[in-house]
């Protein structure tokens, strides 16, 4: 795989991890809303199970966030080390010929 393709794939994975993190955040918010609604409803099964689901989802959110940070840094370093901007410029020049 050439350097530009690898970098593009790395950037795609960063975007997918960001989307995954945002999805986990949305799930956490929905669980929280259900937990608040259940205060009034007082369903024992929801009261028992939702905190467990919330904790597992929060753990996944944290893990995804850490992975995203690490992989973003790795992607940026790869881009810097391989002069991706210059490679893109050369690719554009080559494509116009």
N, C-alpha and C. Protein backbone atom coordinates (compact mmCIF):
# COMPACT_ATOMS: atom_id res chain seq x y z
N UNK A 1 0.85 -1.17 0.00
CA UNK A 1 0.00 0.00 0.00
C UNK A 1 0.90 1.24 0.00
N UNK A 2 0.61 2.18 -0.91
CA UNK A 2 1.45 3.37 -0.94
C UNK A 2 1.10 4.29 0.24
N UNK A 3 1.95 5.26 0.47
CA UNK A 3 1.84 6.11 1.66
C UNK A 3 0.56 6.93 1.68
N UNK A 4 0.14 7.46 0.54
CA UNK A 4 -1.10 8.24 0.50
C UNK A 4 -2.33 7.38 0.79
N UNK A 5 -2.36 6.20 0.20
CA UNK A 5 -3.50 5.30 0.45
C UNK A 5 -3.54 4.90 1.91
N UNK A 6 -2.39 4.61 2.48
CA UNK A 6 -2.34 4.23 3.89
C UNK A 6 -2.82 5.39 4.76
N UNK A 7 -2.35 6.59 4.47
CA UNK A 7 -2.77 7.76 5.25
C UNK A 7 -4.27 8.00 5.11
N UNK A 8 -4.80 7.88 3.90
CA UNK A 8 -6.24 8.05 3.69
C UNK A 8 -7.04 7.02 4.48
N UNK A 9 -6.56 5.80 4.51
CA UNK A 9 -7.23 4.76 5.27
C UNK A 9 -7.17 5.06 6.77
N UNK A 10 -6.03 5.54 7.22
CA UNK A 10 -5.89 5.91 8.63
C UNK A 10 -6.86 7.04 8.99
N UNK A 11 -6.98 8.03 8.11
CA UNK A 11 -7.93 9.13 8.35
C UNK A 11 -9.37 8.61 8.38
N UNK A 12 -9.67 7.67 7.50
CA UNK A 12 -11.02 7.07 7.48
C UNK A 12 -11.31 6.38 8.81
N UNK A 13 -10.34 5.67 9.33
CA UNK A 13 -10.53 4.98 10.61
C UNK A 13 -10.73 6.00 11.73
N UNK A 14 -9.98 7.10 11.70
CA UNK A 14 -10.18 8.15 12.70
C UNK A 14 -11.62 8.65 12.66
N UNK A 15 -12.13 8.91 11.46
CA UNK A 15 -13.52 9.38 11.33
C UNK A 15 -14.52 8.34 11.85
N UNK A 16 -14.25 7.07 11.56
CA UNK A 16 -15.14 6.00 12.03
C UNK A 16 -15.10 5.89 13.56
N UNK A 17 -13.92 6.05 14.15
CA UNK A 17 -13.81 6.03 15.60
C UNK A 17 -14.53 7.22 16.23
N UNK A 18 -14.44 8.38 15.58
CA UNK A 18 -15.17 9.55 16.07
C UNK A 18 -16.67 9.29 16.03
N UNK A 19 -17.14 8.69 14.95
CA UNK A 19 -18.55 8.37 14.81
C UNK A 19 -18.98 7.35 15.88
N UNK A 20 -18.14 6.37 16.09
CA UNK A 20 -18.43 5.37 17.12
C UNK A 20 -18.50 6.00 18.50
N UNK A 21 -17.58 6.90 18.79
CA UNK A 21 -17.58 7.59 20.08
C UNK A 21 -18.86 8.42 20.23
N UNK A 22 -19.24 9.13 19.18
CA UNK A 22 -20.48 9.92 19.22
C UNK A 22 -21.70 9.04 19.42
N UNK A 23 -21.70 7.89 18.79
CA UNK A 23 -22.82 6.94 18.96
C UNK A 23 -22.90 6.45 20.40
N UNK A 24 -21.76 6.15 20.99
CA UNK A 24 -21.75 5.70 22.38
C UNK A 24 -22.24 6.81 23.31
N UNK A 25 -21.87 8.05 23.01
CA UNK A 25 -22.35 9.19 23.79
C UNK A 25 -23.86 9.28 23.72
N UNK A 26 -24.41 9.10 22.52
CA UNK A 26 -25.87 9.15 22.34
C UNK A 26 -26.54 8.03 23.13
N UNK A 27 -25.95 6.85 23.12
CA UNK A 27 -26.51 5.72 23.88
C UNK A 27 -26.50 6.05 25.38
N UNK A 28 -25.40 6.61 25.85
CA UNK A 28 -25.32 6.99 27.27
C UNK A 28 -26.40 8.00 27.64
N UNK A 29 -26.63 8.97 26.77
CA UNK A 29 -27.66 9.98 27.03
C UNK A 29 -29.05 9.35 27.07
N UNK A 30 -29.31 8.42 26.16
CA UNK A 30 -30.61 7.75 26.14
C UNK A 30 -30.82 6.90 27.38
N UNK A 31 -29.79 6.20 27.78
CA UNK A 31 -29.89 5.39 29.01
C UNK A 31 -30.17 6.30 30.20
N UNK A 32 -29.47 7.43 30.26
CA UNK A 32 -29.69 8.38 31.35
C UNK A 32 -31.12 8.89 31.38
N UNK A 33 -31.70 9.16 30.22
CA UNK A 33 -33.08 9.63 30.16
C UNK A 33 -34.04 8.56 30.65
N UNK A 34 -33.78 7.33 30.26
CA UNK A 34 -34.63 6.22 30.72
C UNK A 34 -34.51 6.08 32.23
N UNK A 35 -33.29 6.19 32.75
CA UNK A 35 -33.10 6.08 34.20
C UNK A 35 -33.86 7.19 34.93
N UNK A 36 -33.83 8.40 34.40
CA UNK A 36 -34.56 9.51 35.01
C UNK A 36 -36.07 9.24 34.96
N UNK A 37 -36.57 8.81 33.81
CA UNK A 37 -37.99 8.49 33.68
C UNK A 37 -38.40 7.38 34.62
N UNK A 38 -37.49 6.45 34.86
CA UNK A 38 -37.83 5.33 35.73
C UNK A 38 -37.90 5.74 37.20
N UNK A 39 -37.34 6.87 37.55
CA UNK A 39 -37.48 7.35 38.92
C UNK A 39 -38.96 7.50 39.26
N UNK A 40 -39.72 8.02 38.31
CA UNK A 40 -41.16 8.18 38.51
C UNK A 40 -41.89 6.85 38.36
N UNK A 41 -41.46 6.05 37.38
CA UNK A 41 -42.14 4.78 37.11
C UNK A 41 -41.82 3.73 38.16
N UNK A 42 -40.58 3.67 38.59
CA UNK A 42 -40.11 2.74 39.63
C UNK A 42 -40.23 1.27 39.22
N UNK A 43 -39.83 0.97 37.98
CA UNK A 43 -39.79 -0.42 37.53
C UNK A 43 -38.51 -1.06 38.07
N UNK A 44 -38.67 -2.13 38.80
CA UNK A 44 -37.52 -2.77 39.47
C UNK A 44 -36.53 -3.37 38.49
N UNK A 45 -37.02 -3.96 37.39
CA UNK A 45 -36.11 -4.55 36.41
C UNK A 45 -35.26 -3.47 35.74
N UNK A 46 -35.90 -2.36 35.33
CA UNK A 46 -35.13 -1.25 34.76
C UNK A 46 -34.12 -0.71 35.77
N UNK A 47 -34.55 -0.59 37.00
CA UNK A 47 -33.67 -0.08 38.06
C UNK A 47 -32.46 -0.99 38.28
N UNK A 48 -32.66 -2.28 38.08
CA UNK A 48 -31.58 -3.25 38.28
C UNK A 48 -30.63 -3.31 37.09
N UNK A 49 -31.17 -3.35 35.87
CA UNK A 49 -30.37 -3.63 34.68
C UNK A 49 -29.74 -2.38 34.07
N UNK A 50 -30.46 -1.26 34.07
CA UNK A 50 -29.94 -0.06 33.39
C UNK A 50 -28.59 0.42 33.93
N UNK A 51 -28.36 0.43 35.23
CA UNK A 51 -27.03 0.87 35.69
C UNK A 51 -25.89 -0.01 35.18
N UNK A 52 -26.14 -1.29 35.05
CA UNK A 52 -25.12 -2.20 34.51
C UNK A 52 -24.84 -1.87 33.04
N UNK A 53 -25.91 -1.64 32.28
CA UNK A 53 -25.75 -1.29 30.86
C UNK A 53 -25.04 0.05 30.75
N UNK A 54 -25.43 0.99 31.60
CA UNK A 54 -24.81 2.31 31.59
C UNK A 54 -23.31 2.20 31.85
N UNK A 55 -22.92 1.39 32.83
CA UNK A 55 -21.50 1.26 33.17
C UNK A 55 -20.70 0.62 32.04
N UNK A 56 -21.24 -0.44 31.44
CA UNK A 56 -20.54 -1.08 30.33
C UNK A 56 -20.40 -0.13 29.15
N UNK A 57 -21.46 0.63 28.87
CA UNK A 57 -21.41 1.59 27.77
C UNK A 57 -20.41 2.70 28.07
N UNK A 58 -20.39 3.17 29.32
CA UNK A 58 -19.43 4.21 29.72
C UNK A 58 -18.00 3.68 29.60
N UNK A 59 -17.79 2.43 29.98
CA UNK A 59 -16.45 1.83 29.83
C UNK A 59 -16.05 1.76 28.36
N UNK A 60 -16.98 1.37 27.50
CA UNK A 60 -16.72 1.32 26.06
C UNK A 60 -16.44 2.73 25.51
N UNK A 61 -17.20 3.71 25.97
CA UNK A 61 -17.00 5.09 25.55
C UNK A 61 -15.58 5.55 25.89
N UNK A 62 -15.15 5.25 27.11
CA UNK A 62 -13.79 5.62 27.54
C UNK A 62 -12.73 4.90 26.71
N UNK A 63 -12.94 3.61 26.45
CA UNK A 63 -11.97 2.84 25.67
C UNK A 63 -11.89 3.38 24.23
N UNK A 64 -13.03 3.68 23.65
CA UNK A 64 -13.05 4.22 22.29
C UNK A 64 -12.36 5.59 22.27
N UNK A 65 -12.61 6.41 23.28
CA UNK A 65 -11.97 7.72 23.36
C UNK A 65 -10.45 7.60 23.44
N UNK A 66 -9.97 6.67 24.24
CA UNK A 66 -8.53 6.45 24.33
C UNK A 66 -7.94 5.96 23.03
N UNK A 67 -8.63 5.04 22.41
CA UNK A 67 -8.18 4.51 21.11
C UNK A 67 -8.19 5.61 20.06
N UNK A 68 -9.22 6.42 20.05
CA UNK A 68 -9.31 7.53 19.10
C UNK A 68 -8.15 8.50 19.29
N UNK A 69 -7.87 8.87 20.53
CA UNK A 69 -6.76 9.79 20.80
C UNK A 69 -5.44 9.21 20.32
N UNK A 70 -5.19 7.97 20.66
CA UNK A 70 -3.94 7.32 20.27
C UNK A 70 -3.82 7.20 18.75
N UNK A 71 -4.90 6.77 18.10
CA UNK A 71 -4.83 6.55 16.67
C UNK A 71 -4.77 7.88 15.91
N UNK A 72 -5.42 8.91 16.43
CA UNK A 72 -5.33 10.24 15.81
C UNK A 72 -3.89 10.72 15.85
N UNK A 73 -3.27 10.55 16.99
CA UNK A 73 -1.86 10.96 17.14
C UNK A 73 -0.97 10.16 16.18
N UNK A 74 -1.22 8.87 16.09
CA UNK A 74 -0.44 8.01 15.19
C UNK A 74 -0.62 8.46 13.74
N UNK A 75 -1.85 8.79 13.37
CA UNK A 75 -2.15 9.24 12.01
C UNK A 75 -1.43 10.55 11.70
N UNK A 76 -1.49 11.48 12.64
CA UNK A 76 -0.82 12.76 12.44
C UNK A 76 0.69 12.58 12.33
N UNK A 77 1.25 11.73 13.17
CA UNK A 77 2.70 11.47 13.11
C UNK A 77 3.08 10.84 11.78
N UNK A 78 2.26 9.88 11.32
CA UNK A 78 2.53 9.24 10.03
C UNK A 78 2.50 10.28 8.92
N UNK A 79 1.51 11.16 8.96
CA UNK A 79 1.40 12.21 7.95
C UNK A 79 2.62 13.12 7.95
N UNK A 80 3.07 13.50 9.13
CA UNK A 80 4.24 14.37 9.24
C UNK A 80 5.52 13.66 8.76
N UNK A 81 5.71 12.43 9.19
CA UNK A 81 6.92 11.68 8.86
C UNK A 81 7.03 11.38 7.37
N UNK A 82 5.90 11.28 6.72
CA UNK A 82 5.91 10.90 5.30
C UNK A 82 5.56 12.05 4.37
N UNK A 83 5.59 13.27 4.89
CA UNK A 83 5.33 14.46 4.07
C UNK A 83 4.09 14.30 3.19
N UNK A 84 2.99 13.94 3.81
CA UNK A 84 1.75 13.66 3.08
C UNK A 84 1.29 14.88 2.27
N UNK A 85 1.45 16.08 2.83
CA UNK A 85 1.04 17.27 2.08
C UNK A 85 1.80 17.39 0.76
N UNK A 86 3.09 17.16 0.80
CA UNK A 86 3.90 17.23 -0.42
C UNK A 86 3.54 16.10 -1.39
N UNK A 87 3.26 14.93 -0.84
CA UNK A 87 2.84 13.82 -1.70
C UNK A 87 1.52 14.13 -2.39
N UNK A 88 0.61 14.77 -1.69
CA UNK A 88 -0.68 15.16 -2.29
C UNK A 88 -0.46 16.19 -3.40
N UNK A 89 0.41 17.16 -3.13
CA UNK A 89 0.71 18.17 -4.15
C UNK A 89 1.28 17.51 -5.40
N UNK A 90 2.19 16.58 -5.21
CA UNK A 90 2.79 15.88 -6.36
C UNK A 90 1.75 15.06 -7.09
N UNK A 91 0.86 14.45 -6.34
CA UNK A 91 -0.20 13.65 -6.96
C UNK A 91 -1.10 14.55 -7.83
N UNK A 92 -1.42 15.74 -7.33
CA UNK A 92 -2.25 16.67 -8.10
C UNK A 92 -1.53 17.11 -9.37
N UNK A 93 -0.23 17.37 -9.26
CA UNK A 93 0.55 17.75 -10.42
C UNK A 93 0.54 16.61 -11.45
N UNK A 94 0.78 15.40 -10.98
CA UNK A 94 0.80 14.23 -11.86
C UNK A 94 -0.56 14.01 -12.53
N UNK A 95 -1.63 14.29 -11.81
CA UNK A 95 -2.98 14.07 -12.36
C UNK A 95 -3.36 15.11 -13.41
N UNK A 96 -2.70 16.26 -13.37
CA UNK A 96 -3.04 17.30 -14.36
C UNK A 96 -2.26 17.14 -15.66
N UNK A 97 -1.31 16.24 -15.67
CA UNK A 97 -0.49 16.02 -16.88
C UNK A 97 -1.22 15.18 -17.88
